[in-house]
Amino acid sequence: MSDPQTPKSEKPNPFEAVPIEVTVSVGRARPLIRDLLSMGENAVLTLDKRIEDPVDLYVGDQLVARGLLEEMEGEQAGQLAVRLTEIADLQNGIG
């Protein structure tokens, strides 16, 4: 009989190496269709969030975290990144 306290031999989980796509939502806009149709190059579409507001991270349609946008430094200067500030409880959502 195996002891339930003793961990089984750790086999690598093949799913751990599968990449997933995380979508970062910085905000939404709700223009009228006539306004959207009249927009051209260099038009500005105002979002419902401010630059310092948290962004939402989704896997598919599931909200998984929130964070703040940052700019990387050093060799990756100019690259956008997200510093996670909240991780979702996938059973109960983000609180």
PDB file of N, CA and C in Angstrom:
ATOM      1  N   MET A   1       0.822  -1.178   0.000  1.00  0.00           N
ATOM      2  CA  MET A   1       0.000   0.000   0.000  1.00  0.00           C
ATOM      3  C   MET A   1       0.865   1.240   0.000  1.00  0.00           C
ATOM      4  N   SER A   2       0.469   2.219  -0.767  1.00  0.00           N
ATOM      5  CA  SER A   2       1.258   3.444  -0.790  1.00  0.00           C
ATOM      6  C   SER A   2       0.746   4.404   0.278  1.00  0.00           C
ATOM      7  N   ASP A   3       1.651   5.133   0.847  1.00  0.00           N
ATOM      8  CA  ASP A   3       1.335   6.107   1.875  1.00  0.00           C
ATOM      9  C   ASP A   3       0.781   7.362   1.194  1.00  0.00           C
ATOM     10  N   PRO A   4      -0.430   7.834   1.565  1.00  0.00           N
ATOM     11  CA  PRO A   4      -0.998   9.013   0.905  1.00  0.00           C
ATOM     12  C   PRO A   4      -0.188  10.279   1.152  1.00  0.00           C
ATOM     13  N   GLN A   5       0.664  10.291   2.161  1.00  0.00           N
ATOM     14  CA  GLN A   5       1.497  11.453   2.449  1.00  0.00           C
ATOM     15  C   GLN A   5       2.732  11.512   1.558  1.00  0.00           C
ATOM     16  N   THR A   6       3.101  10.381   0.982  1.00  0.00           N
ATOM     17  CA  THR A   6       4.289  10.310   0.142  1.00  0.00           C
ATOM     18  C   THR A   6       3.917  10.709  -1.285  1.00  0.00           C
ATOM     19  N   PRO A   7       4.579  11.724  -1.833  1.00  0.00           N
ATOM     20  CA  PRO A   7       4.243  12.124  -3.207  1.00  0.00           C
ATOM     21  C   PRO A   7       4.641  11.047  -4.205  1.00  0.00           C
ATOM     22  N   LYS A   8       3.820  10.888  -5.234  1.00  0.00           N
ATOM     23  CA  LYS A   8       4.144   9.953  -6.305  1.00  0.00           C
ATOM     24  C   LYS A   8       5.354  10.487  -7.053  1.00  0.00           C
ATOM     25  N   SER A   9       6.013   9.604  -7.780  1.00  0.00           N
ATOM     26  CA  SER A   9       7.152  10.080  -8.565  1.00  0.00           C
ATOM     27  C   SER A   9       6.648  11.161  -9.512  1.00  0.00           C
ATOM     28  N   GLU A  10       7.339  12.283  -9.510  1.00  0.00           N
ATOM     29  CA  GLU A  10       6.910  13.450 -10.282  1.00  0.00           C
ATOM     30  C   GLU A  10       7.247  13.261 -11.752  1.00  0.00           C
ATOM     31  N   LYS A  11       6.222  12.989 -12.543  1.00  0.00           N
ATOM     32  CA  LYS A  11       6.393  12.920 -13.988  1.00  0.00           C
ATOM     33  C   LYS A  11       6.135  14.311 -14.537  1.00  0.00           C
ATOM     34  N   PRO A  12       6.901  14.734 -15.528  1.00  0.00           N
ATOM     35  CA  PRO A  12       6.616  16.042 -16.119  1.00  0.00           C
ATOM     36  C   PRO A  12       5.230  16.021 -16.766  1.00  0.00           C
ATOM     37  N   ASN A  13       4.493  17.081 -16.527  1.00  0.00           N
ATOM     38  CA  ASN A  13       3.166  17.211 -17.113  1.00  0.00           C
ATOM     39  C   ASN A  13       3.324  17.801 -18.517  1.00  0.00           C
ATOM     40  N   PRO A  14       2.893  17.090 -19.560  1.00  0.00           N
ATOM     41  CA  PRO A  14       3.093  17.597 -20.926  1.00  0.00           C
ATOM     42  C   PRO A  14       2.352  18.905 -21.190  1.00  0.00           C
ATOM     43  N   PHE A  15       1.295  19.193 -20.429  1.00  0.00           N
ATOM     44  CA  PHE A  15       0.541  20.424 -20.642  1.00  0.00           C
ATOM     45  C   PHE A  15       1.308  21.656 -20.173  1.00  0.00           C
ATOM     46  N   GLU A  16       2.285  21.481 -19.294  1.00  0.00           N
ATOM     47  CA  GLU A  16       3.045  22.624 -18.801  1.00  0.00           C
ATOM     48  C   GLU A  16       3.853  23.307 -19.903  1.00  0.00           C
ATOM     49  N   ALA A  17       4.142  22.596 -20.984  1.00  0.00           N
ATOM     50  CA  ALA A  17       4.939  23.156 -22.075  1.00  0.00           C
ATOM     51  C   ALA A  17       4.080  23.709 -23.213  1.00  0.00           C
ATOM     52  N   VAL A  18       2.760  23.687 -23.049  1.00  0.00           N
ATOM     53  CA  VAL A  18       1.864  24.184 -24.090  1.00  0.00           C
ATOM     54  C   VAL A  18       1.654  25.685 -23.888  1.00  0.00           C
ATOM     55  N   PRO A  19       1.988  26.499 -24.879  1.00  0.00           N
ATOM     56  CA  PRO A  19       1.788  27.951 -24.728  1.00  0.00           C
ATOM     57  C   PRO A  19       0.306  28.297 -24.791  1.00  0.00           C
ATOM     58  N   ILE A  20      -0.064  29.350 -24.082  1.00  0.00           N
ATOM     59  CA  ILE A  20      -1.426  29.872 -24.167  1.00  0.00           C
ATOM     60  C   ILE A  20      -1.335  31.350 -24.523  1.00  0.00           C
ATOM     61  N   GLU A  21      -2.398  31.865 -25.041  1.00  0.00           N
ATOM     62  CA  GLU A  21      -2.428  33.283 -25.394  1.00  0.00           C
ATOM     63  C   GLU A  21      -3.161  34.048 -24.302  1.00  0.00           C
ATOM     64  N   VAL A  22      -2.516  35.073 -23.776  1.00  0.00           N
ATOM     65  CA  VAL A  22      -3.112  35.951 -22.786  1.00  0.00           C
ATOM     66  C   VAL A  22      -3.432  37.262 -23.485  1.00  0.00           C
ATOM     67  N   THR A  23      -4.675  37.689 -23.387  1.00  0.00           N
ATOM     68  CA  THR A  23      -5.105  38.957 -23.965  1.00  0.00           C
ATOM     69  C   THR A  23      -5.152  39.999 -22.864  1.00  0.00           C
ATOM     70  N   VAL A  24      -4.549  41.158 -23.112  1.00  0.00           N
ATOM     71  CA  VAL A  24      -4.540  42.251 -22.150  1.00  0.00           C
ATOM     72  C   VAL A  24      -5.487  43.324 -22.663  1.00  0.00           C
ATOM     73  N   SER A  25      -6.517  43.610 -21.878  1.00  0.00           N
ATOM     74  CA  SER A  25      -7.505  44.622 -22.252  1.00  0.00           C
ATOM     75  C   SER A  25      -7.201  45.914 -21.508  1.00  0.00           C
ATOM     76  N   VAL A  26      -6.892  46.953 -22.267  1.00  0.00           N
ATOM     77  CA  VAL A  26      -6.556  48.244 -21.650  1.00  0.00           C
ATOM     78  C   VAL A  26      -7.769  49.152 -21.520  1.00  0.00           C
ATOM     79  N   GLY A  27      -8.858  48.837 -22.180  1.00  0.00           N
ATOM     80  CA  GLY A  27     -10.050  49.661 -22.080  1.00  0.00           C
ATOM     81  C   GLY A  27     -10.987  49.392 -23.238  1.00  0.00           C
ATOM     82  N   ARG A  28     -12.116  50.074 -23.197  1.00  0.00           N
ATOM     83  CA  ARG A  28     -13.125  49.925 -24.249  1.00  0.00           C
ATOM     84  C   ARG A  28     -13.567  51.298 -24.723  1.00  0.00           C
ATOM     85  N   ALA A  29     -14.032  51.323 -25.949  1.00  0.00           N
ATOM     86  CA  ALA A  29     -14.619  52.533 -26.527  1.00  0.00           C
ATOM     87  C   ALA A  29     -15.980  52.150 -27.075  1.00  0.00           C
ATOM     88  N   ARG A  30     -16.912  53.074 -27.021  1.00  0.00           N
ATOM     89  CA  ARG A  30     -18.257  52.814 -27.530  1.00  0.00           C
ATOM     90  C   ARG A  30     -18.706  53.973 -28.430  1.00  0.00           C
ATOM     91  N   PRO A  31     -18.047  54.111 -29.585  1.00  0.00           N
ATOM     92  CA  PRO A  31     -18.455  55.196 -30.486  1.00  0.00           C
ATOM     93  C   PRO A  31     -19.738  54.831 -31.226  1.00  0.00           C
ATOM     94  N   LEU A  32     -20.412  55.839 -31.729  1.00  0.00           N
ATOM     95  CA  LEU A  32     -21.540  55.595 -32.629  1.00  0.00           C
ATOM     96  C   LEU A  32     -20.981  55.085 -33.948  1.00  0.00           C
ATOM     97  N   ILE A  33     -21.760  54.283 -34.638  1.00  0.00           N
ATOM     98  CA  ILE A  33     -21.295  53.730 -35.912  1.00  0.00           C
ATOM     99  C   ILE A  33     -20.947  54.843 -36.886  1.00  0.00           C
ATOM    100  N   ARG A  34     -21.758  55.907 -36.920  1.00  0.00           N
ATOM    101  CA  ARG A  34     -21.475  56.999 -37.864  1.00  0.00           C
ATOM    102  C   ARG A  34     -20.119  57.640 -37.549  1.00  0.00           C
ATOM    103  N   ASP A  35     -19.785  57.759 -36.240  1.00  0.00           N
ATOM    104  CA  ASP A  35     -18.490  58.333 -35.867  1.00  0.00           C
ATOM    105  C   ASP A  35     -17.352  57.401 -36.251  1.00  0.00           C
ATOM    106  N   LEU A  36     -17.548  56.104 -36.036  1.00  0.00           N
ATOM    107  CA  LEU A  36     -16.523  55.125 -36.390  1.00  0.00           C
ATOM    108  C   LEU A  36     -16.283  55.101 -37.900  1.00  0.00           C
ATOM    109  N   LEU A  37     -17.357  55.195 -38.681  1.00  0.00           N
ATOM    110  CA  LEU A  37     -17.227  55.181 -40.142  1.00  0.00           C
ATOM    111  C   LEU A  37     -16.521  56.422 -40.672  1.00  0.00           C
ATOM    112  N   SER A  38     -16.625  57.532 -39.936  1.00  0.00           N
ATOM    113  CA  SER A  38     -15.993  58.762 -40.409  1.00  0.00           C
ATOM    114  C   SER A  38     -14.540  58.891 -39.960  1.00  0.00           C
ATOM    115  N   MET A  39     -14.076  57.952 -39.142  1.00  0.00           N
ATOM    116  CA  MET A  39     -12.692  58.036 -38.657  1.00  0.00           C
ATOM    117  C   MET A  39     -11.716  57.655 -39.760  1.00  0.00           C
ATOM    118  N   GLY A  40     -10.623  58.352 -39.756  1.00  0.00           N
ATOM    119  CA  GLY A  40      -9.569  58.052 -40.712  1.00  0.00           C
ATOM    120  C   GLY A  40      -8.245  57.960 -39.979  1.00  0.00           C
ATOM    121  N   GLU A  41      -7.188  57.936 -40.754  1.00  0.00           N
ATOM    122  CA  GLU A  41      -5.844  57.869 -40.187  1.00  0.00           C
ATOM    123  C   GLU A  41      -5.627  59.046 -39.235  1.00  0.00           C
ATOM    124  N   ASN A  42      -4.999  58.782 -38.110  1.00  0.00           N
ATOM    125  CA  ASN A  42      -4.693  59.759 -37.054  1.00  0.00           C
ATOM    126  C   ASN A  42      -5.907  60.164 -36.216  1.00  0.00           C
ATOM    127  N   ALA A  43      -7.060  59.518 -36.424  1.00  0.00           N
ATOM    128  CA  ALA A  43      -8.216  59.783 -35.565  1.00  0.00           C
ATOM    129  C   ALA A  43      -7.908  59.245 -34.168  1.00  0.00           C
ATOM    130  N   VAL A  44      -8.521  59.824 -33.165  1.00  0.00           N
ATOM    131  CA  VAL A  44      -8.315  59.405 -31.784  1.00  0.00           C
ATOM    132  C   VAL A  44      -9.599  58.795 -31.253  1.00  0.00           C
ATOM    133  N   LEU A  45      -9.501  57.596 -30.720  1.00  0.00           N
ATOM    134  CA  LEU A  45     -10.632  56.899 -30.128  1.00  0.00           C
ATOM    135  C   LEU A  45     -10.400  56.861 -28.621  1.00  0.00           C
ATOM    136  N   THR A  46     -11.223  57.570 -27.870  1.00  0.00           N
ATOM    137  CA  THR A  46     -11.048  57.685 -26.422  1.00  0.00           C
ATOM    138  C   THR A  46     -11.562  56.424 -25.736  1.00  0.00           C
ATOM    139  N   LEU A  47     -10.734  55.887 -24.840  1.00  0.00           N
ATOM    140  CA  LEU A  47     -11.097  54.689 -24.081  1.00  0.00           C
ATOM    141  C   LEU A  47     -11.728  55.081 -22.753  1.00  0.00           C
ATOM    142  N   ASP A  48     -12.348  54.099 -22.095  1.00  0.00           N
ATOM    143  CA  ASP A  48     -13.031  54.342 -20.827  1.00  0.00           C
ATOM    144  C   ASP A  48     -12.106  54.229 -19.615  1.00  0.00           C
ATOM    145  N   LYS A  49     -10.797  54.151 -19.841  1.00  0.00           N
ATOM    146  CA  LYS A  49      -9.848  54.030 -18.730  1.00  0.00           C
ATOM    147  C   LYS A  49      -8.756  55.079 -18.856  1.00  0.00           C
ATOM    148  N   ARG A  50      -8.109  55.315 -17.724  1.00  0.00           N
ATOM    149  CA  ARG A  50      -6.984  56.249 -17.685  1.00  0.00           C
ATOM    150  C   ARG A  50      -5.687  55.447 -17.734  1.00  0.00           C
ATOM    151  N   ILE A  51      -4.592  56.106 -18.015  1.00  0.00           N
ATOM    152  CA  ILE A  51      -3.299  55.442 -18.185  1.00  0.00           C
ATOM    153  C   ILE A  51      -2.867  54.697 -16.916  1.00  0.00           C
ATOM    154  N   GLU A  52      -3.256  55.201 -15.737  1.00  0.00           N
ATOM    155  CA  GLU A  52      -2.834  54.568 -14.484  1.00  0.00           C
ATOM    156  C   GLU A  52      -3.799  53.476 -14.006  1.00  0.00           C
ATOM    157  N   ASP A  53      -4.910  53.280 -14.706  1.00  0.00           N
ATOM    158  CA  ASP A  53      -5.877  52.251 -14.317  1.00  0.00           C
ATOM    159  C   ASP A  53      -5.326  50.852 -14.600  1.00  0.00           C
ATOM    160  N   PRO A  54      -5.746  49.873 -13.800  1.00  0.00           N
ATOM    161  CA  PRO A  54      -5.304  48.505 -14.062  1.00  0.00           C
ATOM    162  C   PRO A  54      -5.850  47.987 -15.389  1.00  0.00           C
ATOM    163  N   VAL A  55      -5.134  47.044 -15.966  1.00  0.00           N
ATOM    164  CA  VAL A  55      -5.568  46.370 -17.186  1.00  0.00           C
ATOM    165  C   VAL A  55      -6.049  44.978 -16.803  1.00  0.00           C
ATOM    166  N   ASP A  56      -6.915  44.393 -17.623  1.00  0.00           N
ATOM    167  CA  ASP A  56      -7.459  43.061 -17.373  1.00  0.00           C
ATOM    168  C   ASP A  56      -6.747  42.054 -18.258  1.00  0.00           C
ATOM    169  N   LEU A  57      -6.406  40.898 -17.691  1.00  0.00           N
ATOM    170  CA  LEU A  57      -5.769  39.823 -18.436  1.00  0.00           C
ATOM    171  C   LEU A  57      -6.761  38.676 -18.583  1.00  0.00           C
ATOM    172  N   TYR A  58      -6.944  38.220 -19.817  1.00  0.00           N
ATOM    173  CA  TYR A  58      -7.891  37.152 -20.125  1.00  0.00           C
ATOM    174  C   TYR A  58      -7.171  35.983 -20.788  1.00  0.00           C
ATOM    175  N   VAL A  59      -7.635  34.786 -20.470  1.00  0.00           N
ATOM    176  CA  VAL A  59      -7.312  33.591 -21.246  1.00  0.00           C
ATOM    177  C   VAL A  59      -8.652  33.162 -21.828  1.00  0.00           C
ATOM    178  N   GLY A  60      -8.790  33.277 -23.132  1.00  0.00           N
ATOM    179  CA  GLY A  60     -10.099  33.104 -23.748  1.00  0.00           C
ATOM    180  C   GLY A  60     -11.009  34.204 -23.239  1.00  0.00           C
ATOM    181  N   ASP A  61     -12.173  33.816 -22.748  1.00  0.00           N
ATOM    182  CA  ASP A  61     -13.123  34.785 -22.185  1.00  0.00           C
ATOM    183  C   ASP A  61     -13.019  34.886 -20.673  1.00  0.00           C
ATOM    184  N   GLN A  62     -12.085  34.161 -20.068  1.00  0.00           N
ATOM    185  CA  GLN A  62     -11.964  34.098 -18.607  1.00  0.00           C
ATOM    186  C   GLN A  62     -10.990  35.151 -18.087  1.00  0.00           C
ATOM    187  N   LEU A  63     -11.479  36.044 -17.227  1.00  0.00           N
ATOM    188  CA  LEU A  63     -10.623  37.014 -16.564  1.00  0.00           C
ATOM    189  C   LEU A  63      -9.747  36.265 -15.573  1.00  0.00           C
ATOM    190  N   VAL A  64      -8.417  36.358 -15.731  1.00  0.00           N
ATOM    191  CA  VAL A  64      -7.514  35.595 -14.871  1.00  0.00           C
ATOM    192  C   VAL A  64      -6.675  36.470 -13.950  1.00  0.00           C
ATOM    193  N   ALA A  65      -6.525  37.749 -14.279  1.00  0.00           N
ATOM    194  CA  ALA A  65      -5.688  38.620 -13.446  1.00  0.00           C
ATOM    195  C   ALA A  65      -5.901  40.070 -13.847  1.00  0.00           C
ATOM    196  N   ARG A  66      -5.375  40.951 -13.010  1.00  0.00           N
ATOM    197  CA  ARG A  66      -5.302  42.381 -13.320  1.00  0.00           C
ATOM    198  C   ARG A  66      -3.885  42.830 -13.053  1.00  0.00           C
ATOM    199  N   GLY A  67      -3.498  43.912 -13.708  1.00  0.00           N
ATOM    200  CA  GLY A  67      -2.148  44.404 -13.495  1.00  0.00           C
ATOM    201  C   GLY A  67      -1.986  45.818 -14.005  1.00  0.00           C
ATOM    202  N   LEU A  68      -0.765  46.313 -13.872  1.00  0.00           N
ATOM    203  CA  LEU A  68      -0.425  47.663 -14.313  1.00  0.00           C
ATOM    204  C   LEU A  68       0.556  47.588 -15.470  1.00  0.00           C
ATOM    205  N   LEU A  69       0.328  48.434 -16.469  1.00  0.00           N
ATOM    206  CA  LEU A  69       1.256  48.489 -17.602  1.00  0.00           C
ATOM    207  C   LEU A  69       2.571  49.101 -17.160  1.00  0.00           C
ATOM    208  N   GLU A  70       3.655  48.544 -17.660  1.00  0.00           N
ATOM    209  CA  GLU A  70       4.995  49.064 -17.391  1.00  0.00           C
ATOM    210  C   GLU A  70       5.803  49.021 -18.677  1.00  0.00           C
ATOM    211  N   GLU A  71       6.846  49.792 -18.688  1.00  0.00           N
ATOM    212  CA  GLU A  71       7.797  49.746 -19.799  1.00  0.00           C
ATOM    213  C   GLU A  71       9.055  49.057 -19.296  1.00  0.00           C
ATOM    214  N   MET A  72       9.524  48.075 -20.062  1.00  0.00           N
ATOM    215  CA  MET A  72      10.737  47.357 -19.682  1.00  0.00           C
ATOM    216  C   MET A  72      11.937  48.294 -19.793  1.00  0.00           C
ATOM    217  N   GLU A  73      13.002  47.939 -19.093  1.00  0.00           N
ATOM    218  CA  GLU A  73      14.227  48.727 -19.117  1.00  0.00           C
ATOM    219  C   GLU A  73      15.372  47.870 -19.642  1.00  0.00           C
ATOM    220  N   GLY A  74      16.537  48.473 -19.756  1.00  0.00           N
ATOM    221  CA  GLY A  74      17.724  47.744 -20.197  1.00  0.00           C
ATOM    222  C   GLY A  74      17.635  47.355 -21.654  1.00  0.00           C
ATOM    223  N   GLU A  75      18.012  46.113 -21.964  1.00  0.00           N
ATOM    224  CA  GLU A  75      18.007  45.636 -23.353  1.00  0.00           C
ATOM    225  C   GLU A  75      16.612  45.596 -23.956  1.00  0.00           C
ATOM    226  N   GLN A  76      15.591  45.522 -23.100  1.00  0.00           N
ATOM    227  CA  GLN A  76      14.214  45.453 -23.590  1.00  0.00           C
ATOM    228  C   GLN A  76      13.497  46.800 -23.464  1.00  0.00           C
ATOM    229  N   ALA A  77      14.240  47.882 -23.368  1.00  0.00           N
ATOM    230  CA  ALA A  77      13.647  49.214 -23.218  1.00  0.00           C
ATOM    231  C   ALA A  77      12.623  49.462 -24.316  1.00  0.00           C
ATOM    232  N   GLY A  78      11.502  50.029 -23.928  1.00  0.00           N
ATOM    233  CA  GLY A  78      10.434  50.317 -24.880  1.00  0.00           C
ATOM    234  C   GLY A  78       9.412  49.203 -25.002  1.00  0.00           C
ATOM    235  N   GLN A  79       9.745  48.001 -24.536  1.00  0.00           N
ATOM    236  CA  GLN A  79       8.825  46.857 -24.593  1.00  0.00           C
ATOM    237  C   GLN A  79       7.781  46.997 -23.489  1.00  0.00           C
ATOM    238  N   LEU A  80       6.515  46.814 -23.825  1.00  0.00           N
ATOM    239  CA  LEU A  80       5.453  46.861 -22.822  1.00  0.00           C
ATOM    240  C   LEU A  80       5.428  45.575 -22.019  1.00  0.00           C
ATOM    241  N   ALA A  81       5.042  45.692 -20.750  1.00  0.00           N
ATOM    242  CA  ALA A  81       4.890  44.545 -19.865  1.00  0.00           C
ATOM    243  C   ALA A  81       3.743  44.832 -18.910  1.00  0.00           C
ATOM    244  N   VAL A  82       3.286  43.813 -18.202  1.00  0.00           N
ATOM    245  CA  VAL A  82       2.235  43.972 -17.209  1.00  0.00           C
ATOM    246  C   VAL A  82       2.737  43.418 -15.886  1.00  0.00           C
ATOM    247  N   ARG A  83       2.671  44.238 -14.837  1.00  0.00           N
ATOM    248  CA  ARG A  83       2.997  43.783 -13.479  1.00  0.00           C
ATOM    249  C   ARG A  83       1.679  43.345 -12.842  1.00  0.00           C
ATOM    250  N   LEU A  84       1.567  42.053 -12.511  1.00  0.00           N
ATOM    251  CA  LEU A  84       0.326  41.522 -11.958  1.00  0.00           C
ATOM    252  C   LEU A  84       0.094  42.060 -10.550  1.00  0.00           C
ATOM    253  N   THR A  85      -1.128  42.536 -10.311  1.00  0.00           N
ATOM    254  CA  THR A  85      -1.489  43.067  -9.003  1.00  0.00           C
ATOM    255  C   THR A  85      -2.604  42.254  -8.344  1.00  0.00           C
ATOM    256  N   GLU A  86      -3.369  41.517  -9.143  1.00  0.00           N
ATOM    257  CA  GLU A  86      -4.442  40.653  -8.632  1.00  0.00           C
ATOM    258  C   GLU A  86      -4.479  39.387  -9.470  1.00  0.00           C
ATOM    259  N   ILE A  87      -4.606  38.253  -8.808  1.00  0.00           N
ATOM    260  CA  ILE A  87      -4.774  36.979  -9.499  1.00  0.00           C
ATOM    261  C   ILE A  87      -6.186  36.491  -9.187  1.00  0.00           C
ATOM    262  N   ALA A  88      -6.898  36.057 -10.209  1.00  0.00           N
ATOM    263  CA  ALA A  88      -8.281  35.629 -10.021  1.00  0.00           C
ATOM    264  C   ALA A  88      -8.355  34.314  -9.264  1.00  0.00           C
ATOM    265  N   ASP A  89      -9.354  34.221  -8.417  1.00  0.00           N
ATOM    266  CA  ASP A  89      -9.762  32.940  -7.835  1.00  0.00           C
ATOM    267  C   ASP A  89     -10.716  32.395  -8.884  1.00  0.00           C
ATOM    268  N   LEU A  90     -10.281  31.434  -9.670  1.00  0.00           N
ATOM    269  CA  LEU A  90     -11.070  30.988 -10.811  1.00  0.00           C
ATOM    270  C   LEU A  90     -12.404  30.363 -10.403  1.00  0.00           C
ATOM    271  N   GLN A  91     -12.559  30.025  -9.132  1.00  0.00           N
ATOM    272  CA  GLN A  91     -13.844  29.526  -8.640  1.00  0.00           C
ATOM    273  C   GLN A  91     -14.813  30.685  -8.385  1.00  0.00           C
ATOM    274  N   ASN A  92     -14.272  31.809  -7.851  1.00  0.00           N
ATOM    275  CA  ASN A  92     -15.136  32.896  -7.397  1.00  0.00           C
ATOM    276  C   ASN A  92     -14.910  34.224  -8.110  1.00  0.00           C
ATOM    277  N   GLY A  93     -13.978  34.274  -9.052  1.00  0.00           N
ATOM    278  CA  GLY A  93     -13.714  35.509  -9.785  1.00  0.00           C
ATOM    279  C   GLY A  93     -12.769  36.428  -9.027  1.00  0.00           C
ATOM    280  N   ILE A  94     -12.489  37.582  -9.618  1.00  0.00           N
ATOM    281  CA  ILE A  94     -11.607  38.574  -8.996  1.00  0.00           C
ATOM    282  C   ILE A  94     -12.439  39.369  -8.000  1.00  0.00           C
ATOM    283  N   GLY A  95     -11.868  39.594  -6.825  1.00  0.00           N
ATOM    284  CA  GLY A  95     -12.603  40.304  -5.777  1.00  0.00           C
ATOM    285  C   GLY A  95     -12.275  41.696  -5.669  1.00  0.00           C
TER     286      GLY A  95
END
